Every structure is written in C-alpha cells, then in structure tokens.
Protein backbone atom coordinates (compact mmCIF):
# COMPACT_ATOMS: atom_id res chain seq x y z
CA MET A 1 0.14 -6.48 24.70
CA LYS A 2 1.51 -8.67 27.56
CA LYS A 3 1.01 -12.31 25.88
CA TYR A 4 2.40 -10.61 22.38
CA PHE A 5 5.72 -9.52 24.24
CA VAL A 6 6.29 -13.03 25.52
CA VAL A 7 5.44 -14.61 22.39
CA ALA A 8 8.04 -12.22 20.38
CA LEU A 9 10.30 -12.74 23.24
CA ALA A 10 10.35 -16.41 23.05
CA ALA A 11 10.75 -16.60 18.96
CA LEU A 12 13.58 -14.25 19.61
CA PHE A 13 15.73 -16.26 22.24
CA VAL A 14 15.21 -19.52 19.69
CA LEU A 15 16.53 -17.99 16.99
CA GLY A 16 19.83 -16.56 18.95
CA PHE A 17 21.32 -13.08 18.91
CA ALA A 18 21.93 -10.51 16.25
CA ALA A 19 24.22 -8.30 14.12
CA SER A 20 24.64 -4.41 15.00
CA SER A 21 23.16 -3.01 11.88
CA PHE A 22 19.96 -2.22 13.57
CA ALA A 23 21.38 -0.16 16.32
CA ILE A 24 23.12 3.06 15.28
CA HIS A 25 25.81 4.13 17.93
CA ALA A 26 26.80 7.28 18.67
CA GLU A 27 29.82 8.62 16.76
CA ILE A 28 33.02 8.05 19.03
CA PRO A 29 36.37 9.94 17.88
CA ALA A 30 39.27 7.44 17.13
CA GLU A 31 41.22 9.53 19.03
CA THR A 32 39.35 8.89 22.36
CA GLN A 33 41.41 8.44 25.31
CA ALA A 34 40.55 5.29 27.24
CA VAL A 35 40.50 5.10 31.36
CA VAL A 36 41.64 1.87 32.28
CA SER A 37 40.34 0.19 35.84
CA LYS A 38 41.62 -2.21 37.74
CA GLY A 39 41.25 -5.70 35.92
CA ALA A 40 40.50 -6.35 32.88
CA THR A 41 37.70 -3.46 32.41
CA GLN A 42 38.58 -0.99 30.25
CA ILE A 43 36.34 2.43 30.96
CA THR A 44 36.52 4.99 28.13
CA ILE A 45 34.92 8.48 28.72
CA GLY A 46 33.51 10.87 25.89
CA GLY A 47 31.18 13.44 24.92
CA ASP A 48 30.86 16.49 23.16
CA ILE A 49 29.93 20.52 23.65
CA ARG A 50 28.01 22.11 20.78
CA VAL A 51 26.93 25.71 20.25
CA ARG A 52 25.24 26.78 17.24
CA GLY A 53 23.14 30.26 16.15
CA LEU A 54 20.19 29.73 13.67
CA TRP A 55 18.20 32.50 11.88
CA ASP A 56 15.28 31.71 9.90
CA ASN A 57 12.23 33.81 8.14
CA ASN A 58 8.88 32.85 7.14
CA THR A 59 8.98 29.21 7.78
CA SER A 60 5.52 29.23 9.56
CA ASP A 61 3.27 31.75 7.73
CA PHE A 62 5.17 32.75 4.62
CA ASN A 63 4.68 35.82 4.83
CA ASN A 64 6.91 38.72 4.86
CA ASP A 65 4.55 41.03 6.75
CA ALA A 66 4.02 39.37 9.86
CA THR A 67 6.71 37.96 12.72
CA ALA A 68 5.91 34.07 13.68
CA ALA A 69 7.46 31.28 15.26
CA GLY A 70 9.25 30.78 11.70
CA ASP A 71 11.22 34.04 12.57
CA ASP A 72 14.11 33.02 14.88
CA ALA A 73 17.19 34.28 15.70
CA LYS A 74 18.86 32.24 18.61
CA TRP A 75 21.47 30.26 19.79
CA ASP A 76 21.63 27.23 21.25
CA GLN A 77 23.82 24.52 23.18
CA ARG A 78 23.92 21.15 23.74
CA VAL A 79 26.24 18.87 26.04
CA ARG A 80 26.86 15.36 25.87
CA LEU A 81 28.75 12.91 28.81
CA GLN A 82 29.24 8.80 27.90
CA VAL A 83 30.90 6.25 29.82
CA GLU A 84 31.33 2.93 27.65
CA ALA A 85 32.44 -0.20 29.75
CA LYS A 86 34.13 -2.95 28.27
CA VAL A 87 33.91 -5.49 30.76
CA THR A 88 35.23 -8.71 28.82
CA PRO A 89 35.70 -8.84 25.11
CA ASN A 90 32.15 -10.22 24.58
CA THR A 91 30.55 -7.67 26.90
CA THR A 92 30.19 -3.95 26.61
CA GLY A 93 28.18 -1.47 28.18
CA LEU A 94 27.08 2.14 27.46
CA ILE A 95 25.56 5.05 29.33
CA GLN A 96 25.56 8.48 27.46
CA LEU A 97 23.77 11.66 28.86
CA GLU A 98 22.36 14.90 27.46
CA ALA A 99 21.35 18.56 28.61
CA GLY A 100 18.08 19.87 27.45
CA ASN A 101 15.89 22.26 28.35
CA ASP A 102 13.76 20.93 31.70
CA GLY A 103 10.94 20.19 29.36
CA GLY A 104 12.16 16.59 29.02
CA THR A 105 12.40 13.87 26.72
CA SER A 106 12.10 15.70 23.49
CA SER A 107 14.65 18.38 23.80
CA ASP A 108 18.71 18.17 23.37
CA ILE A 109 19.14 21.91 23.45
CA GLN A 110 18.94 25.02 25.77
CA ASN A 111 18.38 28.29 24.13
CA TRP A 112 20.80 30.29 25.51
CA GLY A 113 19.14 33.47 27.58
CA THR A 114 16.07 31.37 28.53
CA GLU A 115 17.42 30.82 32.20
CA THR A 116 16.04 34.58 32.72
CA PHE A 117 15.36 33.83 36.63
CA GLY A 118 18.65 32.68 37.66
CA GLY A 119 21.07 33.83 40.61
CA ALA A 120 21.58 37.37 39.61
CA THR A 121 21.00 40.16 41.68
CA GLY A 122 20.70 43.95 41.88
CA THR A 123 18.94 45.97 39.15
CA ILE A 124 18.98 43.53 36.14
CA ARG A 125 17.95 40.42 38.10
CA ALA A 126 18.28 38.13 34.94
CA GLY A 127 20.80 35.29 34.15
CA ASP A 128 23.66 33.84 36.59
CA ALA A 129 22.01 30.89 36.15
CA LYS A 130 22.51 27.29 35.95
CA GLN A 131 21.90 26.26 32.38
CA ASN A 132 19.85 23.02 31.97
CA SER A 133 19.49 18.94 33.33
CA MET A 134 20.83 15.93 32.11
CA LYS A 135 19.22 13.28 30.96
CA VAL A 136 19.95 9.43 29.67
CA LEU A 137 20.14 9.52 26.11
CA GLN A 138 21.77 5.95 25.56
CA ALA A 139 21.73 2.97 28.41
CA TRP A 140 22.25 -0.46 27.15
CA ILE A 141 24.05 -3.68 27.57
CA LEU A 142 25.42 -5.21 24.48
CA HIS A 143 26.78 -9.17 24.92
CA THR A 144 28.08 -11.09 21.83
CA GLY A 145 29.11 -14.92 21.44
CA SER A 146 28.59 -17.91 19.34
CA GLY A 147 24.30 -17.85 20.47
CA LEU A 148 22.75 -21.17 20.46
CA LEU A 149 23.60 -22.30 16.84
CA GLY A 150 27.31 -22.15 17.32
CA VAL A 151 27.57 -18.97 15.09
CA PRO A 152 28.64 -15.35 15.88
CA ALA A 153 25.48 -13.53 17.55
CA LEU A 154 24.69 -10.93 20.17
CA VAL A 155 22.18 -9.31 22.08
CA LYS A 156 21.48 -5.79 22.65
CA ILE A 157 19.15 -4.39 25.25
CA GLY A 158 18.02 -1.21 26.92
CA HIS A 159 17.61 2.38 25.47
CA MET A 160 19.54 2.97 22.28
CA PRO A 161 19.39 5.00 18.85
CA VAL A 162 16.87 2.69 16.40
CA GLN A 163 16.71 2.58 12.83
CA ILE A 164 14.62 0.34 10.71
CA SER A 165 13.91 2.00 7.65
CA GLU A 166 15.32 5.15 6.34
CA LEU A 167 11.68 6.03 4.83
CA TYR A 168 9.50 4.60 7.54
CA TYR A 169 11.09 4.37 10.93
CA SER A 170 13.87 6.10 11.98
CA HIS A 171 14.40 6.93 15.91
CA THR A 172 18.25 7.90 16.00
CA LYS A 173 17.96 11.43 17.87
CA PHE A 174 16.67 9.95 20.97
CA GLY A 175 16.38 6.51 20.92
CA ASP A 176 14.00 3.70 21.96
CA ASP A 177 13.71 1.27 24.52
CA ALA A 178 14.36 -2.20 22.36
CA ILE A 179 15.34 -5.74 22.39
CA LEU A 180 17.77 -6.58 19.67
CA LEU A 181 18.50 -10.42 18.93
CA GLY A 182 19.78 -11.98 16.22
CA VAL A 183 22.56 -14.25 14.36
CA ASP A 184 24.89 -14.46 11.28
CA PRO A 185 24.28 -18.05 9.59
CA VAL A 186 26.96 -17.15 7.14
CA LYS A 187 29.82 -14.51 7.61
CA GLU A 188 27.80 -12.35 4.88
CA LEU A 189 24.20 -12.91 6.04
CA HIS A 190 23.28 -10.74 9.30
CA LEU A 191 19.41 -11.88 10.66
CA ILE A 192 17.70 -9.38 13.24
CA LEU A 193 14.87 -9.86 15.39
CA GLY A 194 13.65 -6.53 17.26
CA HIS A 195 11.21 -5.62 19.86
CA VAL A 196 10.62 -2.23 20.46
CA LYS A 197 8.55 -0.71 22.93
CA LEU A 198 7.03 2.64 21.66
CA GLY A 199 4.03 3.81 24.14
CA GLU A 200 3.01 2.17 27.53
CA GLY A 201 -0.07 3.16 28.43
CA ASN A 202 -1.85 2.08 31.79
CA THR A 203 0.66 -1.18 32.89
CA PHE A 204 -2.44 -3.24 34.00
CA ASN A 205 -4.25 -2.65 30.44
CA ALA A 206 -3.68 -3.47 27.02
CA ASP A 207 -3.56 -0.04 25.93
CA ASP A 208 0.57 -0.03 24.55
CA ILE A 209 2.10 0.88 20.95
CA ASN A 210 4.88 -2.26 20.40
CA GLY A 211 6.87 -2.64 17.35
CA TYR A 212 8.32 -5.96 16.00
CA THR A 213 10.72 -6.64 13.69
CA PHE A 214 12.65 -8.97 11.49
CA ILE A 215 15.92 -7.11 9.28
CA ALA A 216 18.28 -9.19 6.93
CA SER A 217 21.04 -8.10 5.05
CA TYR A 218 23.29 -9.96 2.79
CA ASP A 219 27.20 -8.42 1.92
CA ILE A 220 27.49 -9.28 -1.80
CA ASN A 221 31.03 -7.63 -2.03
CA LYS A 222 32.60 -4.93 -0.33
CA ASP A 223 30.63 -1.95 -2.31
CA SER A 224 27.27 -4.15 -2.77
CA SER A 225 24.55 -5.26 -0.38
CA VAL A 226 20.72 -5.98 -0.58
CA GLY A 227 18.59 -6.07 2.60
CA GLY A 228 14.80 -6.07 3.55
CA SER A 229 12.95 -5.64 6.84
CA VAL A 230 9.37 -6.65 8.16
CA THR A 231 7.95 -4.25 10.44
CA TYR A 232 4.79 -4.58 12.45
CA ALA A 233 3.31 -1.49 14.55
CA ASP A 234 0.76 -2.82 17.00
CA GLY A 235 -1.63 -0.06 19.10
CA GLN A 236 -4.32 -0.88 21.17
CA ASN A 237 -6.73 1.50 22.62
CA LEU A 238 -5.09 4.49 21.54
CA GLY A 239 -5.33 7.70 23.68
CA ALA A 240 -2.91 10.42 22.99
CA TYR A 241 -1.28 9.06 20.06
CA ALA A 242 -4.52 8.00 17.98
CA TYR A 243 -3.52 9.39 14.82
CA PRO A 244 -1.23 7.23 12.90
CA PHE A 245 -1.66 8.87 9.69
CA PHE A 246 -2.28 12.48 10.40
CA PRO A 247 -1.08 15.13 12.31
CA VAL A 248 -1.89 14.74 15.97
CA ASN A 249 -3.60 18.39 16.04
CA PRO A 250 -5.28 18.38 12.52
CA VAL A 251 -4.87 22.20 11.06
CA VAL A 252 -7.92 22.19 8.97
CA PRO A 253 -9.96 24.98 9.55
CA THR A 254 -13.31 23.75 11.53
CA ALA A 255 -15.06 26.18 9.05
CA THR A 256 -13.64 24.14 6.15
CA LEU A 257 -14.42 20.92 7.57
CA THR A 258 -18.12 22.06 8.29
CA THR A 259 -17.98 23.34 4.45
CA LEU A 260 -17.16 20.03 3.58
CA GLY A 261 -20.03 18.30 5.34
CA LEU A 262 -17.55 16.58 8.05
CA GLY A 263 -16.40 17.02 11.56
CA ARG A 264 -12.96 17.34 12.83
CA SER A 265 -13.36 13.84 14.02
CA SER A 266 -13.17 12.37 10.61
CA LEU A 267 -9.48 13.32 10.33
CA GLY A 268 -7.86 10.72 13.30
CA LEU A 269 -8.83 7.80 15.39
CA PRO A 270 -10.78 8.55 18.59
CA ALA A 271 -9.46 7.48 21.43
CA GLY A 272 -10.03 3.44 21.60
CA ALA A 273 -9.00 2.98 18.04
CA ASP A 274 -6.23 -0.06 17.35
CA LEU A 275 -3.68 0.14 15.26
CA HIS A 276 -2.30 -2.49 13.14
CA LEU A 277 0.22 -1.29 10.61
CA TRP A 278 2.82 -3.59 8.42
CA ASN A 279 5.22 -2.24 6.75
CA PHE A 280 8.00 -4.07 3.74
CA ALA A 281 10.97 -2.47 2.72
CA LEU A 282 13.79 -3.74 0.25
CA ASN A 283 16.92 -1.81 0.03
CA GLY A 284 20.02 -2.20 -1.77
CA LYS A 285 23.29 -0.35 -2.50
CA THR A 286 25.99 -1.25 -5.23
CA ASN A 287 28.99 0.52 -7.24
CA VAL A 288 29.12 0.12 -10.88
CA ALA A 289 32.06 1.71 -12.73
CA GLY A 290 32.71 4.45 -10.23
CA LEU A 291 28.87 4.92 -10.27
CA GLY A 292 26.84 4.82 -6.57
CA ILE A 293 23.86 3.68 -6.74
CA LYS A 294 21.47 3.43 -3.62
CA GLY A 295 17.63 2.50 -2.81
CA GLU A 296 14.92 1.53 -1.07
CA VAL A 297 11.30 0.38 -1.66
CA ASP A 298 8.59 0.60 1.06
CA ILE A 299 5.35 -0.56 0.94
CA GLN A 300 2.57 -0.62 3.57
CA THR A 301 -0.69 -2.34 4.91
CA GLY A 302 -2.95 -3.42 7.37
CA LYS A 303 -5.80 -1.40 9.08
CA ALA A 304 -6.72 0.78 11.77
CA GLN A 305 -9.76 -0.13 13.56
CA ASP A 306 -12.64 1.01 15.81
CA LEU A 307 -16.24 -0.53 16.70
CA ARG A 308 -17.60 3.50 16.29
CA LEU A 309 -16.40 3.54 12.27
CA ASN A 310 -15.33 1.24 9.10
CA ASP A 311 -12.13 0.21 9.09
CA LEU A 312 -9.32 2.33 7.87
CA LYS A 313 -7.00 0.37 5.42
CA PHE A 314 -3.67 1.23 5.18
CA LYS A 315 -2.08 1.52 1.07
CA GLY A 316 0.68 3.85 1.62
CA TRP A 317 3.91 3.32 0.08
CA ALA A 318 7.52 5.31 -0.85
CA ALA A 319 10.56 4.93 -2.73
CA LYS A 320 14.01 6.50 -3.16
CA LEU A 321 17.25 6.49 -5.17
CA ASP A 322 20.26 8.20 -5.04
CA LEU A 323 23.15 8.33 -7.38
CA ASP A 324 26.91 9.46 -6.89
CA TYR A 325 29.56 9.72 -9.24
CA LYS A 326 33.21 11.05 -8.40
CA ILE A 327 35.16 13.30 -10.80
CA ASN A 328 38.18 14.26 -8.60
CA PRO A 329 38.07 16.40 -6.36
CA VAL A 330 33.82 16.78 -7.04
CA THR A 331 31.19 14.07 -6.37
CA LEU A 332 28.42 14.76 -8.26
CA MET A 333 24.75 13.48 -6.60
CA PHE A 334 21.53 12.96 -8.20
CA GLY A 335 18.23 11.78 -6.82
CA ALA A 336 14.57 11.41 -6.74
CA ALA A 337 11.85 10.05 -4.37
CA TYR A 338 8.18 9.63 -4.07
CA GLY A 339 5.87 9.10 -0.87
CA SER A 340 2.54 8.55 -1.38
CA GLY A 341 -0.08 10.96 -0.18
CA ASP A 342 -4.12 10.97 0.29
CA ASP A 343 -6.60 12.19 -1.87
CA PHE A 344 -8.23 14.42 0.17
CA LYS A 345 -11.43 14.88 -2.14
CA LYS A 346 -11.75 11.14 -2.08
CA LEU A 347 -10.70 10.60 1.53
CA LEU A 348 -12.89 13.08 2.84
CA ILE A 349 -15.53 13.83 0.13
CA ASP A 350 -16.45 10.55 -1.25
CA GLY A 351 -15.66 8.56 2.09
CA ASP A 352 -12.88 6.30 0.78
CA ASN A 353 -11.72 4.26 3.65
CA LYS A 354 -8.23 3.70 2.21
CA ILE A 355 -5.39 5.22 3.67
CA HIS A 356 -2.98 6.30 0.96
CA GLY A 357 -0.72 8.58 2.67
CA PHE A 358 2.83 6.90 3.67
CA ALA A 359 3.44 6.38 7.42
CA THR A 360 6.00 6.87 9.20
CA THR A 361 7.50 7.38 12.52
CA MET A 362 10.46 9.49 12.59
CA ASP A 363 13.12 11.45 14.29
CA ALA A 364 13.31 15.65 14.57
CA VAL A 365 16.24 15.73 12.33
CA GLN A 366 16.87 16.84 8.77
CA HIS A 367 15.70 14.11 6.20
CA TYR A 368 16.35 15.51 3.00
CA THR A 369 15.83 19.45 2.73
CA PHE A 370 17.17 21.66 5.38
CA VAL A 371 13.91 24.16 5.21
CA TYR A 372 10.62 21.86 3.74
CA GLU A 373 9.90 19.57 5.93
CA TYR A 374 12.62 19.93 8.46
CA LEU A 375 11.40 23.53 9.11
CA THR A 376 8.10 23.72 7.45
CA PRO A 377 5.48 20.98 7.62
CA ASN A 378 5.74 18.67 4.91
CA ALA A 379 2.57 18.19 2.65
CA ALA A 380 0.81 16.04 4.61
CA GLY A 381 1.17 18.42 7.43
CA ASN A 382 3.90 16.70 9.99
CA VAL A 383 7.39 18.79 10.94
CA ASN A 384 10.14 16.23 10.81
CA GLY A 385 7.40 13.68 9.14
CA GLY A 386 9.85 12.58 6.19
CA LEU A 387 8.40 11.43 2.61
CA GLN A 388 5.02 12.22 3.02
CA ASN A 389 2.36 13.46 0.02
CA THR A 390 5.80 14.21 -1.80
CA TRP A 391 8.05 13.88 -4.47
CA TYR A 392 11.03 15.53 -5.55
CA LEU A 393 14.28 15.55 -7.99
CA LYS A 394 17.67 16.38 -6.27
CA ALA A 395 21.09 17.44 -8.41
CA GLY A 396 23.76 18.47 -6.18
CA ALA A 397 27.77 18.33 -5.41
CA LYS A 398 30.24 18.04 -2.65
CA ALA A 399 34.13 18.53 -2.82
CA ASP A 400 37.02 19.11 -0.61
CA ILE A 401 37.58 22.58 -1.09
CA MET A 402 40.84 22.84 0.55
CA LYS A 403 42.59 21.21 3.62
CA ASN A 404 40.21 20.73 6.06
CA LEU A 405 37.61 22.78 4.46
CA ASP A 406 34.68 20.60 2.42
CA GLY A 407 31.52 21.50 1.34
CA MET A 408 28.24 20.59 -0.56
CA ILE A 409 25.08 22.02 -2.48
CA ASN A 410 22.05 20.30 -3.34
CA VAL A 411 19.00 21.78 -5.52
CA TYR A 412 15.90 20.11 -4.77
CA TYR A 413 12.72 20.38 -6.68
CA LEU A 414 9.43 19.76 -4.76
CA ARG A 415 5.84 18.81 -5.28
CA ALA A 416 3.05 17.51 -3.66
CA VAL A 417 1.49 14.39 -4.34
CA HIS A 418 -2.20 15.35 -3.86
CA GLN A 419 -3.59 18.81 -3.36
CA THR A 420 -4.60 19.64 -0.01
CA PRO A 421 -7.87 21.25 1.58
CA PHE A 422 -6.22 23.52 3.66
CA GLY A 423 -2.88 24.09 2.49
CA VAL A 424 -1.07 22.33 5.86
CA LEU A 425 -0.79 25.39 7.91
CA ALA A 426 -4.25 27.33 6.96
CA SER A 427 -5.70 29.19 9.19
CA GLN A 428 -8.39 31.39 7.83
CA ALA A 429 -11.90 29.97 8.68
CA GLY A 430 -14.08 29.28 5.50
CA ASP A 431 -11.27 29.13 2.84
CA ASN A 432 -11.89 25.69 1.40
CA GLN A 433 -9.61 25.83 -1.54
CA PHE A 434 -7.66 23.41 -2.35
CA SER A 435 -4.11 23.98 -2.48
CA SER A 436 -1.60 23.89 -5.64
CA LYS A 437 0.95 21.03 -5.67
CA ALA A 438 3.72 23.18 -6.57
CA ILE A 439 5.82 23.04 -3.13
CA GLY A 440 8.94 24.93 -4.61
CA THR A 441 12.72 24.83 -5.35
CA GLU A 442 15.03 24.85 -2.66
CA VAL A 443 19.29 25.49 -2.55
CA ASP A 444 20.93 23.68 0.47
CA VAL A 445 24.54 24.33 1.06
CA ASN A 446 26.60 22.49 4.02
CA VAL A 447 30.44 24.15 4.59
CA ASN A 448 32.54 22.32 7.39
CA TYR A 449 35.91 23.18 8.82
CA GLN A 450 38.21 21.17 10.55
CA ILE A 451 39.59 24.18 13.02
CA ASP A 452 41.63 21.60 15.31
CA ARG A 453 41.59 17.94 15.97
CA ASN A 454 37.89 16.95 16.93
CA LEU A 455 37.05 20.97 16.61
CA LYS A 456 35.01 21.53 13.73
CA TYR A 457 33.06 24.83 12.74
CA TYR A 458 30.34 24.42 10.30
CA VAL A 459 27.43 26.43 8.32
CA GLU A 460 24.41 25.11 6.82
CA GLY A 461 21.29 26.96 5.46
CA GLY A 462 18.48 26.82 2.75
CA TYR A 463 16.42 29.48 0.69
CA LEU A 464 12.83 27.82 -0.26
CA PHE A 465 11.38 29.51 -3.35
CA ALA A 466 7.95 29.21 -2.42
CA GLY A 467 5.60 27.55 -5.16
CA ASN A 468 1.70 28.28 -4.38
CA PHE A 469 0.95 25.08 -2.25
CA TRP A 470 1.66 27.46 0.47
CA LYS A 471 -0.67 29.94 -0.71
CA ASN A 472 -3.70 29.12 1.96
CA VAL A 473 -1.23 29.81 4.53
CA THR A 474 -1.04 33.72 3.87
CA PRO A 475 -3.40 36.28 4.98
CA VAL A 476 -6.46 36.57 2.90
CA THR A 477 -7.55 40.15 1.67
CA ASN A 478 -10.61 41.04 0.24
CA GLY A 479 -11.27 37.16 -0.89
CA SER A 480 -7.97 35.93 -1.85
CA ALA A 481 -4.79 34.85 0.00
CA LYS A 482 -1.63 36.70 -0.30
CA SER A 483 0.87 34.93 -2.75
CA PRO A 484 3.47 33.22 -0.13
CA ASP A 485 6.81 34.89 0.13
CA ASP A 486 9.81 32.79 0.28
CA ALA A 487 11.28 30.97 3.27
CA TRP A 488 15.04 30.68 4.76
CA ALA A 489 17.14 29.52 7.35
CA ILE A 490 20.86 29.82 8.39
CA ARG A 491 22.34 27.78 10.70
CA HIS A 492 26.08 27.75 12.02
CA GLY A 493 27.34 26.12 14.77
CA ILE A 494 31.25 24.88 16.57
CA GLN A 495 31.47 21.40 18.05
CA LEU A 496 34.09 19.38 20.20
CA SER A 497 34.21 15.70 20.45
CA PHE A 498 36.55 14.54 22.96
C-alpha cells in the first residue's frame, strides 16, 4: 500500500488543510481549570471517572430457562486522564489516557472484582489489587493557519476519534490513526481530505486496510446545512479480517450449510482476498417552522476479489430520517431508518454474487436501540454492527422533568429486511428453517440527574418484546423451537468530569 499512501498524501498537501468537523473531540467541561506553564504554553488537565452497574437478561439466548452470557449482573469502572497543550494560538496537542482491563485495545472498562488474585493474604486471598492499566486513547497534533491557498485551514495528525458517516463509518470510541487535511474556501464551505490506517499486516507486504475519504459540508444558515462524503476502503491480501460483510465467525450451523449444499467458506472471503469498497453519503439538516429535520443516505459499490472465487459486488445502501418538534417543555421525536440486507435464498442457494447487505465499520456503542444491536446481534449477525438488514420506525419524547433532571423515552418497531437461514444466533445443528422477519418492539428509557457541577447520575434501559426472528435461537424440543422470551437490560451510573 506504500504507493497508494504516497499518492494520497501528495494530493492532500496540494489542497491544503481542513475543517475540524471530521474529528470528534472528547467533551471538556467549560469549568475546566487551566494550569499555565512558563512562557506562552497553556496546559489544561482534565479527565473523568465513571462507575456503572448493568443487569441484562436473555440478550444471548432469548430463553428464561437458561443462563448465558446475556444474563449479567455486574459493576464496571472507567478512568480517563488527559493533557491538552496549547503551544500557540495555532498549534495544539492532546494526549488522553484511558484505563481498561489488560485485554488491551478494545476495552475501556474494568469489571469490578475481576482482579481476584491481588495482594490479599490470609484465609480469603482475593482482592487488595490494582484495578487496571492505562492505554493511549487519543494522541494528536493540530495546527491551524492560512494554508497554501491563503484561506483558513488546518492539519491534524495522530490517533483520534473519527466519524465519516453516521451510518457507515463511526470510530469514536477508541479512534483511528489518521491524517486529516483540508480547507475552507469560503466561510460556509468546509472541504476535508483524510487518510485512515485501519489495519497494518506485515510492513514489508501489501496486506493492509486503508481508508481514503473526501468530505464536504456547506452551512446554509445557523439551522441548515448539507454535506456528503466519498470514502474508499482498500484492503489487500486480507487475513484475519477477511470478512467485510458477514461476521468474522459465521454462526450458521455447519449442518445447515451442508443441507444447503454449501461450505462455511461460502460466507466469507478466504485469506488473500482483496477489498475495494466505495461508500457515497449525503446528509443534511434544517428547521422548518420549529420542525427539525435531519437525514442521511448512503450507497455502496465496489467489489471483493479473489482469484479462487468470482468477484463479489457490493450493492448495499442505508437511509435514516429524524424529526423533532418542541412543545414546551416536551420535544417530540419521530424517526425511520433502513439498512439493506442479503436475500440469503439468492445468495446461498442461487449463487448470486451481489452483496446487498449494507457494509459497516462501527464502534462498540449504542447506535439506536439499547437492547437490539447494542447488546444482541443485529439481523446481519453483528453486535454493534449498525443498521444492517434492519428497518425501524421510532416515536419518542424528551423533556426537562424538573431542575437538573431530564428524561427521554423511545419506542421502536423493528423488522429484518430479509429472512436469514440461521436466526442470527442459532446453535441447533440441522435447523435450516428461514427465520421470521419480526425482530420485535423495543421501549428504551433514559433519565439523567445533575447532582453537582460536572457530576451526574443516570439510569438507562430497554425492554425488547421479542418477535419470532429469534425463534431459531431458542432450544429445539420435539422437533420445534421454543418461542423466544423477551430480552431486557438496565444500567445506571455516576460520572464525574473535571
């Protein structure tokens, strides 16, 4: 990938430096106190401490009669510490550390009590242990200036949160290694070019995954804007991440595939495959007579190639529309979204080489519902996979209940776009019945209480009235699957930011 990187980098510097909307900065409270060092450099120290408790039930097996990973009762804790250095009005650097368990790069929490073998002695030799280790969450340099074209511009380089498209590409939890450059030709127009390093195989081989993006946005007025992005994901000789559209470990029972006349390799690209995926996104927002309107549409093309297989062509798309209207003190919210899915009957049985499922690369956060997709796999088999093989309708409301107390409630009606042959989590060998499209109806609630300055307590939860989409997940008795039981989860926490 070296030649692609050199060409892209050259193009970026020709165009200048970019607006900051591409990079999402961590929230820093307005009351943060600055520690000023000698000279003109201003050092700001901040961070947060968060403690949460989670209870969830049936999110893995939809079965009240069994205990599985989706039946939890636990506490967890997260610690962040950051230093921001404003060296000059034009140059800033930020380092943010985050504690997580020793699992490394994909954990931001430590479950309480998991440090069993610590320093305790005597009869009960548990506890008295250090909690966790710190890793770099953000580390970047930002320089603003007039750029090569004599207009406002900037360059940002390092490890940072990145969001290109709300539906396709959102890496705001742990971030990416990236170079962002761009320019504001006029005050209202922001142009950004970026290169993101998603995966580095062997440094001496072309076996990487790189992202190249161009983002444009135009501010019509203070309430209205339009924008779009073009993003190219290029992967060469893929190894461990060789499944760009199905789960890395497909959960289809082997016996099911045998029944369908397929091998497990039919569900993913073998090692050595190349990925060439384009995502085109359009977005906009406005306000008409008090009605807030926000939407996005993404369309995908490109192909996955391997000499041992026919090329697989990407044809996925997704769309989302959100409306809100305020009737003091309540804001009413309505929404609809659609993420395309694969017709497995065509894909697996008829040998269709078109991938109609919407491909995503997302962070492990709540993207819409609290139970479905965030705590359970979505209808494409991916936990935190975003809007894939799913459509929904949403109605909700939020309000300031009283001073320092606000709340929100949302109701989602969820359905799969296409049936699947495996019910997403099926573990019953030989059960090749195509699932129902009825995912269910979910009610989500969130309440926040501001205890003190920068100190809040919150409660959030969801209840999924499970539809028969989940029927293949449950045990088979006397030749038929048990009807799915509802899944629910509730979490509360306290967070101090400083």
